[in-house]
Amino acid sequence: MEDLFNLGKLRLQPASFFSRPELNQAVRDDELSLPLSFSLTKQQLKALVANPQDVPESVSEHRLDIEFSSSADFWMYCVTQSVEPRLVVDFEAEACVLVRHRDEFRKRLIESARDATSNATMREGAAIYVDPLLPKTPKIFVPLSKPFGYSYQDEYRFCWLPEPANPRLGPLDICIGSIDDIAELIVL
């Protein structure tokens, strides 16, 4: 955290990195896929299948399990939008950087990442927390979506999707310059 605060050094991690088994529970997640279950009526089911005549009349509802996945790896930089004691414990943090001027941090991050990710489309936004058993919509953008069990993390995500798509990426180290003018380093 000191290098981030004093020098502005940070790492854009590939989404594939976060599924590594050695990561702690708060960090470990399959960022490349999101399994969901939908409850379909008989009419909805008939509209989806190639053989609607074979759907039994006795079926009133049917559970449909779908895994939404990203066809390629992408880079991520995630931050929290809130200060919660649970985050310190779950992430085993020894320090944190409290950004006081979020817009300026965002601007510096995007500008500094531009060269390293020149052939990538950048997307950002608050994480969309999805109930895997009761999703509100079938329109899922995997890079910004997470199971709702992580909602306490209140994430804001910066994602870079390379073009052409790449099945496996490495990390990108970038430097946004010292952020001591827009943030505060808190050593725990």
N, C-alpha and C. Protein backbone atom coordinates (compact mmCIF):
# COMPACT_ATOMS: atom_id res chain seq x y z
N MET A 1 0.81 -1.20 0.00
CA MET A 1 0.00 0.00 0.00
C MET A 1 0.86 1.27 0.00
N GLU A 2 2.05 1.15 0.60
CA GLU A 2 2.93 2.32 0.62
C GLU A 2 3.38 2.69 -0.79
N ASP A 3 3.67 1.68 -1.63
CA ASP A 3 4.07 1.97 -3.01
C ASP A 3 2.93 2.60 -3.79
N LEU A 4 1.71 2.18 -3.53
CA LEU A 4 0.56 2.82 -4.19
C LEU A 4 0.45 4.27 -3.74
N PHE A 5 0.51 4.49 -2.46
CA PHE A 5 0.34 5.84 -1.92
C PHE A 5 1.48 6.77 -2.32
N ASN A 6 2.71 6.34 -2.10
CA ASN A 6 3.87 7.22 -2.34
C ASN A 6 4.28 7.32 -3.80
N LEU A 7 4.19 6.21 -4.54
CA LEU A 7 4.70 6.18 -5.91
C LEU A 7 3.61 5.99 -6.96
N GLY A 8 2.43 5.56 -6.54
CA GLY A 8 1.35 5.31 -7.49
C GLY A 8 1.50 4.00 -8.24
N LYS A 9 2.26 3.06 -7.68
CA LYS A 9 2.45 1.76 -8.34
C LYS A 9 1.26 0.86 -8.01
N LEU A 10 0.68 0.28 -9.06
CA LEU A 10 -0.40 -0.67 -8.86
C LEU A 10 -0.38 -1.71 -9.97
N ARG A 11 -1.14 -2.76 -9.78
CA ARG A 11 -1.15 -3.88 -10.72
C ARG A 11 -2.56 -4.15 -11.21
N LEU A 12 -2.69 -4.23 -12.53
CA LEU A 12 -3.93 -4.70 -13.14
C LEU A 12 -3.77 -6.22 -13.25
N GLN A 13 -4.63 -6.93 -12.56
CA GLN A 13 -4.54 -8.40 -12.57
C GLN A 13 -5.47 -8.96 -13.64
N PRO A 14 -5.05 -10.05 -14.27
CA PRO A 14 -5.99 -10.73 -15.17
C PRO A 14 -7.10 -11.38 -14.34
N ALA A 15 -8.29 -11.41 -14.88
CA ALA A 15 -9.42 -12.02 -14.17
C ALA A 15 -9.11 -13.46 -13.78
N SER A 16 -8.37 -14.17 -14.62
CA SER A 16 -8.04 -15.57 -14.34
C SER A 16 -7.21 -15.73 -13.06
N PHE A 17 -6.50 -14.71 -12.65
CA PHE A 17 -5.67 -14.76 -11.45
C PHE A 17 -6.50 -15.08 -10.19
N PHE A 18 -7.72 -14.57 -10.13
CA PHE A 18 -8.50 -14.62 -8.89
C PHE A 18 -9.07 -15.99 -8.56
N SER A 19 -8.93 -16.96 -9.44
CA SER A 19 -9.42 -18.30 -9.13
C SER A 19 -8.35 -19.18 -8.49
N ARG A 20 -7.18 -18.63 -8.25
CA ARG A 20 -6.07 -19.41 -7.69
C ARG A 20 -6.42 -19.90 -6.28
N PRO A 21 -6.18 -21.18 -6.00
CA PRO A 21 -6.58 -21.77 -4.71
C PRO A 21 -5.86 -21.19 -3.50
N GLU A 22 -4.68 -20.63 -3.68
CA GLU A 22 -3.94 -20.10 -2.52
C GLU A 22 -4.46 -18.74 -2.05
N LEU A 23 -5.35 -18.13 -2.79
CA LEU A 23 -5.91 -16.84 -2.38
C LEU A 23 -6.93 -17.04 -1.26
N ASN A 24 -7.05 -16.05 -0.40
CA ASN A 24 -8.01 -16.19 0.69
C ASN A 24 -9.44 -16.06 0.16
N GLN A 25 -10.40 -16.45 0.99
CA GLN A 25 -11.81 -16.53 0.58
C GLN A 25 -12.36 -15.21 0.05
N ALA A 26 -11.94 -14.09 0.60
CA ALA A 26 -12.46 -12.79 0.16
C ALA A 26 -11.96 -12.42 -1.23
N VAL A 27 -10.78 -12.90 -1.60
CA VAL A 27 -10.17 -12.55 -2.88
C VAL A 27 -10.51 -13.59 -3.95
N ARG A 28 -10.53 -14.85 -3.56
CA ARG A 28 -10.71 -15.95 -4.53
C ARG A 28 -12.14 -15.95 -5.09
N ASP A 29 -12.21 -15.94 -6.41
CA ASP A 29 -13.50 -15.97 -7.10
C ASP A 29 -13.23 -16.28 -8.56
N ASP A 30 -14.16 -16.96 -9.19
CA ASP A 30 -14.04 -17.21 -10.63
C ASP A 30 -14.61 -15.99 -11.34
N GLU A 31 -13.74 -15.07 -11.71
CA GLU A 31 -14.16 -13.83 -12.34
C GLU A 31 -14.51 -14.01 -13.81
N LEU A 32 -14.24 -15.19 -14.36
CA LEU A 32 -14.51 -15.44 -15.78
C LEU A 32 -15.86 -16.10 -16.02
N SER A 33 -16.54 -16.51 -14.96
CA SER A 33 -17.85 -17.14 -15.16
C SER A 33 -18.76 -16.87 -13.97
N LEU A 34 -20.04 -16.99 -14.23
CA LEU A 34 -21.05 -16.76 -13.20
C LEU A 34 -22.19 -17.74 -13.43
N PRO A 35 -22.28 -18.81 -12.60
CA PRO A 35 -23.38 -19.76 -12.76
C PRO A 35 -24.67 -19.20 -12.16
N LEU A 36 -25.75 -19.31 -12.92
CA LEU A 36 -27.05 -18.81 -12.48
C LEU A 36 -28.13 -19.84 -12.75
N SER A 37 -29.21 -19.75 -12.00
CA SER A 37 -30.37 -20.62 -12.21
C SER A 37 -31.60 -19.76 -12.43
N PHE A 38 -32.36 -20.11 -13.45
CA PHE A 38 -33.59 -19.39 -13.77
C PHE A 38 -34.77 -20.32 -13.62
N SER A 39 -35.87 -19.79 -13.15
CA SER A 39 -37.11 -20.54 -13.06
C SER A 39 -37.96 -20.16 -14.27
N LEU A 40 -38.25 -21.15 -15.11
CA LEU A 40 -38.99 -20.89 -16.35
C LEU A 40 -40.38 -21.51 -16.28
N THR A 41 -41.34 -20.80 -16.83
CA THR A 41 -42.67 -21.37 -16.97
C THR A 41 -42.63 -22.36 -18.13
N LYS A 42 -43.68 -23.15 -18.26
CA LYS A 42 -43.76 -24.12 -19.35
C LYS A 42 -43.67 -23.40 -20.70
N GLN A 43 -44.32 -22.26 -20.84
CA GLN A 43 -44.29 -21.52 -22.11
C GLN A 43 -42.88 -21.00 -22.41
N GLN A 44 -42.20 -20.48 -21.40
CA GLN A 44 -40.82 -20.01 -21.60
C GLN A 44 -39.91 -21.16 -21.99
N LEU A 45 -40.09 -22.31 -21.35
CA LEU A 45 -39.28 -23.48 -21.66
C LEU A 45 -39.52 -23.94 -23.10
N LYS A 46 -40.78 -23.98 -23.51
CA LYS A 46 -41.11 -24.39 -24.89
C LYS A 46 -40.49 -23.45 -25.91
N ALA A 47 -40.42 -22.17 -25.58
CA ALA A 47 -39.84 -21.20 -26.51
C ALA A 47 -38.32 -21.38 -26.65
N LEU A 48 -37.69 -21.98 -25.66
CA LEU A 48 -36.23 -22.14 -25.67
C LEU A 48 -35.73 -23.43 -26.32
N VAL A 49 -36.51 -24.49 -26.21
CA VAL A 49 -36.01 -25.80 -26.64
C VAL A 49 -36.31 -26.06 -28.11
N ALA A 50 -35.53 -26.96 -28.69
CA ALA A 50 -35.69 -27.32 -30.10
C ALA A 50 -36.88 -28.27 -30.30
N ASN A 51 -37.30 -28.93 -29.23
CA ASN A 51 -38.39 -29.91 -29.32
C ASN A 51 -39.52 -29.56 -28.35
N PRO A 52 -40.22 -28.45 -28.55
CA PRO A 52 -41.24 -28.02 -27.59
C PRO A 52 -42.38 -29.03 -27.41
N GLN A 53 -42.62 -29.85 -28.41
CA GLN A 53 -43.68 -30.86 -28.31
C GLN A 53 -43.36 -31.92 -27.26
N ASP A 54 -42.10 -32.06 -26.89
CA ASP A 54 -41.71 -33.06 -25.90
C ASP A 54 -41.74 -32.55 -24.46
N VAL A 55 -42.06 -31.28 -24.27
CA VAL A 55 -42.18 -30.74 -22.91
C VAL A 55 -43.48 -31.28 -22.32
N PRO A 56 -43.39 -32.04 -21.23
CA PRO A 56 -44.61 -32.64 -20.65
C PRO A 56 -45.61 -31.58 -20.21
N GLU A 57 -46.88 -31.87 -20.41
CA GLU A 57 -47.94 -30.95 -20.01
C GLU A 57 -47.96 -30.74 -18.50
N SER A 58 -47.49 -31.73 -17.75
CA SER A 58 -47.52 -31.64 -16.29
C SER A 58 -46.47 -30.68 -15.73
N VAL A 59 -45.54 -30.24 -16.56
CA VAL A 59 -44.49 -29.32 -16.10
C VAL A 59 -45.07 -27.92 -15.98
N SER A 60 -45.04 -27.36 -14.77
CA SER A 60 -45.52 -25.99 -14.62
C SER A 60 -44.34 -25.02 -14.58
N GLU A 61 -43.27 -25.43 -13.91
CA GLU A 61 -42.04 -24.64 -13.86
C GLU A 61 -40.86 -25.57 -14.01
N HIS A 62 -39.77 -25.00 -14.51
CA HIS A 62 -38.55 -25.79 -14.69
C HIS A 62 -37.35 -24.92 -14.35
N ARG A 63 -36.41 -25.50 -13.65
CA ARG A 63 -35.18 -24.78 -13.33
C ARG A 63 -34.18 -24.97 -14.47
N LEU A 64 -33.64 -23.86 -14.92
CA LEU A 64 -32.65 -23.89 -15.99
C LEU A 64 -31.34 -23.33 -15.44
N ASP A 65 -30.31 -24.16 -15.41
CA ASP A 65 -29.00 -23.75 -14.93
C ASP A 65 -28.15 -23.32 -16.12
N ILE A 66 -27.61 -22.12 -16.03
CA ILE A 66 -26.78 -21.56 -17.10
C ILE A 66 -25.52 -20.99 -16.48
N GLU A 67 -24.41 -21.18 -17.17
CA GLU A 67 -23.18 -20.54 -16.73
C GLU A 67 -22.82 -19.46 -17.74
N PHE A 68 -22.86 -18.22 -17.29
CA PHE A 68 -22.42 -17.11 -18.12
C PHE A 68 -20.91 -17.06 -18.00
N SER A 69 -20.22 -16.92 -19.11
CA SER A 69 -18.76 -16.88 -19.03
C SER A 69 -18.20 -15.89 -20.03
N SER A 70 -17.04 -15.41 -19.68
CA SER A 70 -16.30 -14.53 -20.57
C SER A 70 -15.50 -15.42 -21.50
N SER A 71 -15.53 -15.13 -22.77
CA SER A 71 -14.82 -15.96 -23.73
C SER A 71 -13.31 -15.74 -23.67
N ALA A 72 -12.89 -14.71 -22.97
CA ALA A 72 -11.46 -14.40 -22.89
C ALA A 72 -11.14 -13.75 -21.55
N ASP A 73 -9.88 -13.76 -21.22
CA ASP A 73 -9.40 -13.11 -20.01
C ASP A 73 -9.44 -11.59 -20.18
N PHE A 74 -9.43 -10.87 -19.09
CA PHE A 74 -9.40 -9.41 -19.13
C PHE A 74 -8.69 -8.92 -17.87
N TRP A 75 -8.22 -7.68 -17.91
CA TRP A 75 -7.54 -7.11 -16.74
C TRP A 75 -8.56 -6.40 -15.87
N MET A 76 -8.27 -6.41 -14.56
CA MET A 76 -9.16 -5.79 -13.59
C MET A 76 -8.37 -4.99 -12.56
N TYR A 77 -9.01 -3.94 -12.08
CA TYR A 77 -8.53 -3.26 -10.88
C TYR A 77 -9.79 -2.95 -10.08
N CYS A 78 -9.88 -3.49 -8.88
CA CYS A 78 -11.08 -3.36 -8.08
C CYS A 78 -10.80 -2.60 -6.79
N VAL A 79 -11.73 -1.76 -6.43
CA VAL A 79 -11.64 -1.00 -5.19
C VAL A 79 -12.98 -1.11 -4.47
N THR A 80 -12.99 -0.81 -3.20
CA THR A 80 -14.25 -0.77 -2.48
C THR A 80 -14.74 0.67 -2.43
N GLN A 81 -16.05 0.81 -2.34
CA GLN A 81 -16.65 2.14 -2.24
C GLN A 81 -17.02 2.48 -0.80
N SER A 82 -16.69 1.59 0.12
CA SER A 82 -17.07 1.82 1.51
C SER A 82 -15.94 1.39 2.44
N VAL A 83 -16.00 1.85 3.65
CA VAL A 83 -15.02 1.48 4.66
C VAL A 83 -15.76 0.62 5.68
N GLU A 84 -15.44 -0.66 5.67
CA GLU A 84 -16.09 -1.62 6.56
C GLU A 84 -15.03 -2.41 7.31
N PRO A 85 -15.17 -2.55 8.62
CA PRO A 85 -14.19 -3.34 9.39
C PRO A 85 -14.02 -4.77 8.87
N ARG A 86 -15.10 -5.36 8.37
CA ARG A 86 -15.02 -6.73 7.87
C ARG A 86 -14.02 -6.85 6.72
N LEU A 87 -13.87 -5.82 5.91
CA LEU A 87 -12.94 -5.86 4.79
C LEU A 87 -11.50 -6.02 5.27
N VAL A 88 -11.16 -5.33 6.34
CA VAL A 88 -9.81 -5.41 6.90
C VAL A 88 -9.51 -6.84 7.33
N VAL A 89 -10.45 -7.47 8.00
CA VAL A 89 -10.27 -8.84 8.47
C VAL A 89 -10.25 -9.82 7.30
N ASP A 90 -11.25 -9.74 6.44
CA ASP A 90 -11.37 -10.71 5.34
C ASP A 90 -10.21 -10.64 4.35
N PHE A 91 -9.69 -9.45 4.10
CA PHE A 91 -8.59 -9.31 3.16
C PHE A 91 -7.23 -9.39 3.84
N GLU A 92 -7.25 -9.63 5.16
CA GLU A 92 -6.01 -9.74 5.94
C GLU A 92 -5.12 -8.52 5.71
N ALA A 93 -5.74 -7.35 5.74
CA ALA A 93 -5.05 -6.10 5.42
C ALA A 93 -4.18 -5.62 6.57
N GLU A 94 -3.03 -5.09 6.20
CA GLU A 94 -2.13 -4.45 7.16
C GLU A 94 -2.16 -2.94 6.99
N ALA A 95 -2.74 -2.50 5.88
CA ALA A 95 -2.87 -1.08 5.59
C ALA A 95 -3.95 -0.92 4.52
N CYS A 96 -4.42 0.31 4.37
CA CYS A 96 -5.34 0.61 3.28
C CYS A 96 -5.11 2.05 2.84
N VAL A 97 -5.53 2.33 1.63
CA VAL A 97 -5.44 3.68 1.10
C VAL A 97 -6.86 4.20 0.96
N LEU A 98 -7.14 5.28 1.64
CA LEU A 98 -8.45 5.91 1.59
C LEU A 98 -8.38 7.05 0.57
N VAL A 99 -9.02 6.85 -0.56
CA VAL A 99 -8.99 7.85 -1.63
C VAL A 99 -10.05 8.90 -1.34
N ARG A 100 -9.62 10.12 -1.17
CA ARG A 100 -10.53 11.24 -0.85
C ARG A 100 -11.12 11.88 -2.11
N HIS A 101 -10.40 11.81 -3.21
CA HIS A 101 -10.85 12.42 -4.47
C HIS A 101 -10.94 11.32 -5.53
N ARG A 102 -12.08 10.63 -5.53
CA ARG A 102 -12.27 9.46 -6.39
C ARG A 102 -12.17 9.80 -7.87
N ASP A 103 -12.73 10.91 -8.28
CA ASP A 103 -12.70 11.27 -9.71
C ASP A 103 -11.27 11.47 -10.20
N GLU A 104 -10.45 12.08 -9.38
CA GLU A 104 -9.05 12.30 -9.76
C GLU A 104 -8.30 10.97 -9.81
N PHE A 105 -8.55 10.08 -8.86
CA PHE A 105 -7.93 8.76 -8.88
C PHE A 105 -8.33 8.01 -10.15
N ARG A 106 -9.62 8.04 -10.46
CA ARG A 106 -10.14 7.38 -11.66
C ARG A 106 -9.44 7.91 -12.90
N LYS A 107 -9.33 9.22 -13.00
CA LYS A 107 -8.69 9.86 -14.16
C LYS A 107 -7.24 9.40 -14.30
N ARG A 108 -6.50 9.41 -13.20
CA ARG A 108 -5.09 9.00 -13.24
C ARG A 108 -4.94 7.53 -13.61
N LEU A 109 -5.80 6.70 -13.06
CA LEU A 109 -5.74 5.27 -13.36
C LEU A 109 -6.01 5.02 -14.84
N ILE A 110 -7.06 5.60 -15.36
CA ILE A 110 -7.43 5.38 -16.77
C ILE A 110 -6.34 5.91 -17.70
N GLU A 111 -5.83 7.10 -17.42
CA GLU A 111 -4.78 7.67 -18.27
C GLU A 111 -3.50 6.83 -18.23
N SER A 112 -3.12 6.38 -17.05
CA SER A 112 -1.88 5.60 -16.92
C SER A 112 -2.01 4.21 -17.52
N ALA A 113 -3.20 3.65 -17.50
CA ALA A 113 -3.41 2.31 -18.06
C ALA A 113 -3.55 2.35 -19.58
N ARG A 114 -3.79 3.51 -20.14
CA ARG A 114 -4.06 3.63 -21.57
C ARG A 114 -2.94 3.03 -22.43
N ASP A 115 -1.69 3.34 -22.14
CA ASP A 115 -0.58 2.81 -22.94
C ASP A 115 -0.45 1.29 -22.79
N ALA A 116 -0.55 0.82 -21.56
CA ALA A 116 -0.38 -0.62 -21.31
C ALA A 116 -1.52 -1.45 -21.87
N THR A 117 -2.68 -0.83 -22.04
CA THR A 117 -3.87 -1.56 -22.51
C THR A 117 -4.40 -0.96 -23.81
N SER A 118 -3.50 -0.50 -24.66
CA SER A 118 -3.91 0.27 -25.85
C SER A 118 -4.86 -0.47 -26.77
N ASN A 119 -4.80 -1.78 -26.81
CA ASN A 119 -5.70 -2.54 -27.67
C ASN A 119 -6.83 -3.17 -26.86
N ALA A 120 -7.32 -2.45 -25.87
CA ALA A 120 -8.37 -2.98 -25.02
C ALA A 120 -9.50 -1.96 -24.89
N THR A 121 -10.69 -2.49 -24.70
CA THR A 121 -11.85 -1.66 -24.41
C THR A 121 -11.99 -1.58 -22.90
N MET A 122 -12.09 -0.38 -22.38
CA MET A 122 -12.19 -0.20 -20.94
C MET A 122 -13.65 -0.05 -20.54
N ARG A 123 -14.03 -0.78 -19.49
CA ARG A 123 -15.37 -0.67 -18.91
C ARG A 123 -15.19 -0.49 -17.41
N GLU A 124 -16.09 0.25 -16.81
CA GLU A 124 -16.01 0.47 -15.37
C GLU A 124 -17.40 0.61 -14.80
N GLY A 125 -17.49 0.41 -13.50
CA GLY A 125 -18.76 0.61 -12.84
C GLY A 125 -18.82 -0.13 -11.52
N ALA A 126 -19.86 0.19 -10.78
CA ALA A 126 -20.11 -0.52 -9.53
C ALA A 126 -20.41 -1.97 -9.87
N ALA A 127 -19.87 -2.88 -9.08
CA ALA A 127 -20.14 -4.30 -9.30
C ALA A 127 -21.64 -4.55 -9.22
N ILE A 128 -22.11 -5.43 -10.08
CA ILE A 128 -23.52 -5.82 -10.09
C ILE A 128 -23.60 -7.14 -9.35
N TYR A 129 -24.22 -7.12 -8.18
CA TYR A 129 -24.31 -8.32 -7.36
C TYR A 129 -25.57 -9.08 -7.73
N VAL A 130 -25.38 -10.35 -8.09
CA VAL A 130 -26.46 -11.16 -8.64
C VAL A 130 -26.76 -12.33 -7.72
N ASP A 131 -28.04 -12.53 -7.43
CA ASP A 131 -28.47 -13.71 -6.69
C ASP A 131 -28.44 -14.89 -7.67
N PRO A 132 -27.56 -15.87 -7.46
CA PRO A 132 -27.42 -16.95 -8.44
C PRO A 132 -28.67 -17.83 -8.58
N LEU A 133 -29.55 -17.82 -7.57
CA LEU A 133 -30.76 -18.63 -7.65
C LEU A 133 -31.99 -17.82 -8.05
N LEU A 134 -31.85 -16.51 -8.08
CA LEU A 134 -32.98 -15.66 -8.45
C LEU A 134 -32.48 -14.40 -9.16
N PRO A 135 -31.79 -14.58 -10.29
CA PRO A 135 -31.29 -13.41 -11.00
C PRO A 135 -32.45 -12.56 -11.54
N LYS A 136 -32.26 -11.25 -11.52
CA LYS A 136 -33.31 -10.35 -11.97
C LYS A 136 -33.39 -10.24 -13.49
N THR A 137 -32.29 -10.57 -14.17
CA THR A 137 -32.26 -10.44 -15.62
C THR A 137 -31.32 -11.48 -16.22
N PRO A 138 -31.61 -11.91 -17.44
CA PRO A 138 -30.68 -12.81 -18.12
C PRO A 138 -29.58 -12.05 -18.86
N LYS A 139 -29.58 -10.74 -18.77
CA LYS A 139 -28.54 -9.93 -19.41
C LYS A 139 -27.42 -9.71 -18.40
N ILE A 140 -26.35 -10.46 -18.57
CA ILE A 140 -25.24 -10.45 -17.62
C ILE A 140 -23.96 -10.04 -18.34
N PHE A 141 -23.30 -9.02 -17.82
CA PHE A 141 -21.97 -8.65 -18.29
C PHE A 141 -20.99 -9.16 -17.24
N VAL A 142 -20.34 -10.28 -17.54
CA VAL A 142 -19.53 -11.00 -16.56
C VAL A 142 -18.46 -10.12 -15.89
N PRO A 143 -17.70 -9.29 -16.61
CA PRO A 143 -16.65 -8.52 -15.93
C PRO A 143 -17.13 -7.60 -14.79
N LEU A 144 -18.37 -7.17 -14.83
CA LEU A 144 -18.86 -6.30 -13.75
C LEU A 144 -19.80 -7.03 -12.79
N SER A 145 -19.98 -8.33 -12.95
CA SER A 145 -20.95 -9.07 -12.14
C SER A 145 -20.27 -10.01 -11.15
N LYS A 146 -20.92 -10.18 -9.99
CA LYS A 146 -20.42 -11.06 -8.94
C LYS A 146 -21.60 -11.69 -8.20
N PRO A 147 -21.40 -12.87 -7.63
CA PRO A 147 -22.46 -13.43 -6.77
C PRO A 147 -22.74 -12.50 -5.59
N PHE A 148 -24.00 -12.41 -5.19
CA PHE A 148 -24.38 -11.44 -4.17
C PHE A 148 -23.77 -11.70 -2.80
N GLY A 149 -23.18 -12.86 -2.59
CA GLY A 149 -22.49 -13.14 -1.34
C GLY A 149 -21.30 -12.22 -1.11
N TYR A 150 -20.83 -11.58 -2.16
CA TYR A 150 -19.71 -10.64 -2.07
C TYR A 150 -20.18 -9.19 -1.95
N SER A 151 -21.46 -8.97 -1.83
CA SER A 151 -21.99 -7.59 -1.87
C SER A 151 -21.44 -6.70 -0.75
N TYR A 152 -21.05 -7.29 0.36
CA TYR A 152 -20.48 -6.49 1.45
C TYR A 152 -19.20 -5.78 1.02
N GLN A 153 -18.57 -6.26 -0.05
CA GLN A 153 -17.33 -5.64 -0.54
C GLN A 153 -17.59 -4.33 -1.27
N ASP A 154 -18.80 -4.11 -1.72
CA ASP A 154 -19.21 -2.85 -2.36
C ASP A 154 -18.17 -2.38 -3.38
N GLU A 155 -17.88 -3.25 -4.34
CA GLU A 155 -16.80 -3.00 -5.30
C GLU A 155 -17.16 -2.00 -6.39
N TYR A 156 -16.14 -1.31 -6.82
CA TYR A 156 -16.17 -0.53 -8.06
C TYR A 156 -15.06 -1.15 -8.90
N ARG A 157 -15.38 -1.49 -10.15
CA ARG A 157 -14.45 -2.23 -10.99
C ARG A 157 -14.02 -1.44 -12.22
N PHE A 158 -12.75 -1.57 -12.51
CA PHE A 158 -12.18 -1.06 -13.76
C PHE A 158 -11.74 -2.31 -14.53
N CYS A 159 -12.23 -2.48 -15.75
CA CYS A 159 -11.93 -3.68 -16.53
C CYS A 159 -11.45 -3.28 -17.92
N TRP A 160 -10.44 -3.97 -18.40
CA TRP A 160 -9.92 -3.76 -19.74
C TRP A 160 -10.03 -5.07 -20.50
N LEU A 161 -10.79 -5.06 -21.59
CA LEU A 161 -11.03 -6.26 -22.40
C LEU A 161 -10.19 -6.16 -23.67
N PRO A 162 -9.13 -6.98 -23.77
CA PRO A 162 -8.21 -6.85 -24.90
C PRO A 162 -8.84 -7.28 -26.23
N GLU A 163 -8.40 -6.61 -27.26
CA GLU A 163 -8.80 -6.96 -28.62
C GLU A 163 -7.53 -7.14 -29.44
N PRO A 164 -7.29 -8.29 -30.04
CA PRO A 164 -8.17 -9.45 -30.05
C PRO A 164 -8.21 -10.13 -28.68
N ALA A 165 -9.24 -10.94 -28.49
CA ALA A 165 -9.42 -11.64 -27.22
C ALA A 165 -8.23 -12.57 -26.96
N ASN A 166 -7.93 -12.74 -25.69
CA ASN A 166 -6.79 -13.57 -25.29
C ASN A 166 -7.27 -14.52 -24.19
N PRO A 167 -7.03 -15.83 -24.33
CA PRO A 167 -7.53 -16.76 -23.31
C PRO A 167 -6.82 -16.64 -21.96
N ARG A 168 -5.56 -16.19 -21.94
CA ARG A 168 -4.82 -16.04 -20.69
C ARG A 168 -3.91 -14.82 -20.78
N LEU A 169 -4.03 -13.97 -19.79
CA LEU A 169 -3.22 -12.75 -19.74
C LEU A 169 -2.29 -12.80 -18.55
N GLY A 170 -1.27 -11.97 -18.58
CA GLY A 170 -0.40 -11.77 -17.43
C GLY A 170 -0.76 -10.45 -16.77
N PRO A 171 -0.21 -10.18 -15.58
CA PRO A 171 -0.49 -8.92 -14.90
C PRO A 171 0.18 -7.74 -15.61
N LEU A 172 -0.35 -6.56 -15.39
CA LEU A 172 0.24 -5.33 -15.92
C LEU A 172 0.54 -4.39 -14.75
N ASP A 173 1.79 -4.04 -14.58
CA ASP A 173 2.17 -3.08 -13.56
C ASP A 173 2.18 -1.70 -14.18
N ILE A 174 1.47 -0.77 -13.55
CA ILE A 174 1.43 0.60 -14.06
C ILE A 174 1.73 1.55 -12.91
N CYS A 175 1.99 2.79 -13.27
CA CYS A 175 2.29 3.81 -12.27
C CYS A 175 1.43 5.03 -12.57
N ILE A 176 0.65 5.44 -11.58
CA ILE A 176 -0.22 6.60 -11.76
C ILE A 176 0.35 7.84 -11.08
N GLY A 177 1.53 7.71 -10.51
CA GLY A 177 2.15 8.81 -9.78
C GLY A 177 1.63 8.86 -8.35
N SER A 178 2.37 9.51 -7.51
CA SER A 178 2.00 9.60 -6.09
C SER A 178 0.56 10.08 -5.95
N ILE A 179 -0.14 9.49 -5.01
CA ILE A 179 -1.52 9.92 -4.76
C ILE A 179 -1.65 10.55 -3.37
N ASP A 180 -0.53 10.99 -2.82
CA ASP A 180 -0.58 11.59 -1.48
C ASP A 180 -1.39 12.89 -1.44
N ASP A 181 -1.66 13.47 -2.61
CA ASP A 181 -2.46 14.69 -2.66
C ASP A 181 -3.96 14.41 -2.74
N ILE A 182 -4.35 13.15 -2.98
CA ILE A 182 -5.77 12.83 -3.12
C ILE A 182 -6.21 11.69 -2.22
N ALA A 183 -5.28 11.16 -1.42
CA ALA A 183 -5.60 9.99 -0.61
C ALA A 183 -4.86 10.03 0.72
N GLU A 184 -5.20 9.08 1.55
CA GLU A 184 -4.57 8.96 2.87
C GLU A 184 -4.17 7.51 3.07
N LEU A 185 -2.95 7.28 3.54
CA LEU A 185 -2.47 5.94 3.85
C LEU A 185 -2.79 5.66 5.31
N ILE A 186 -3.47 4.56 5.55
CA ILE A 186 -3.81 4.17 6.92
C ILE A 186 -3.14 2.83 7.20
N VAL A 187 -2.18 2.84 8.11
CA VAL A 187 -1.48 1.63 8.51
C VAL A 187 -2.23 1.05 9.70
N LEU A 188 -2.56 -0.22 9.61
CA LEU A 188 -3.38 -0.85 10.65
C LEU A 188 -2.54 -1.57 11.69
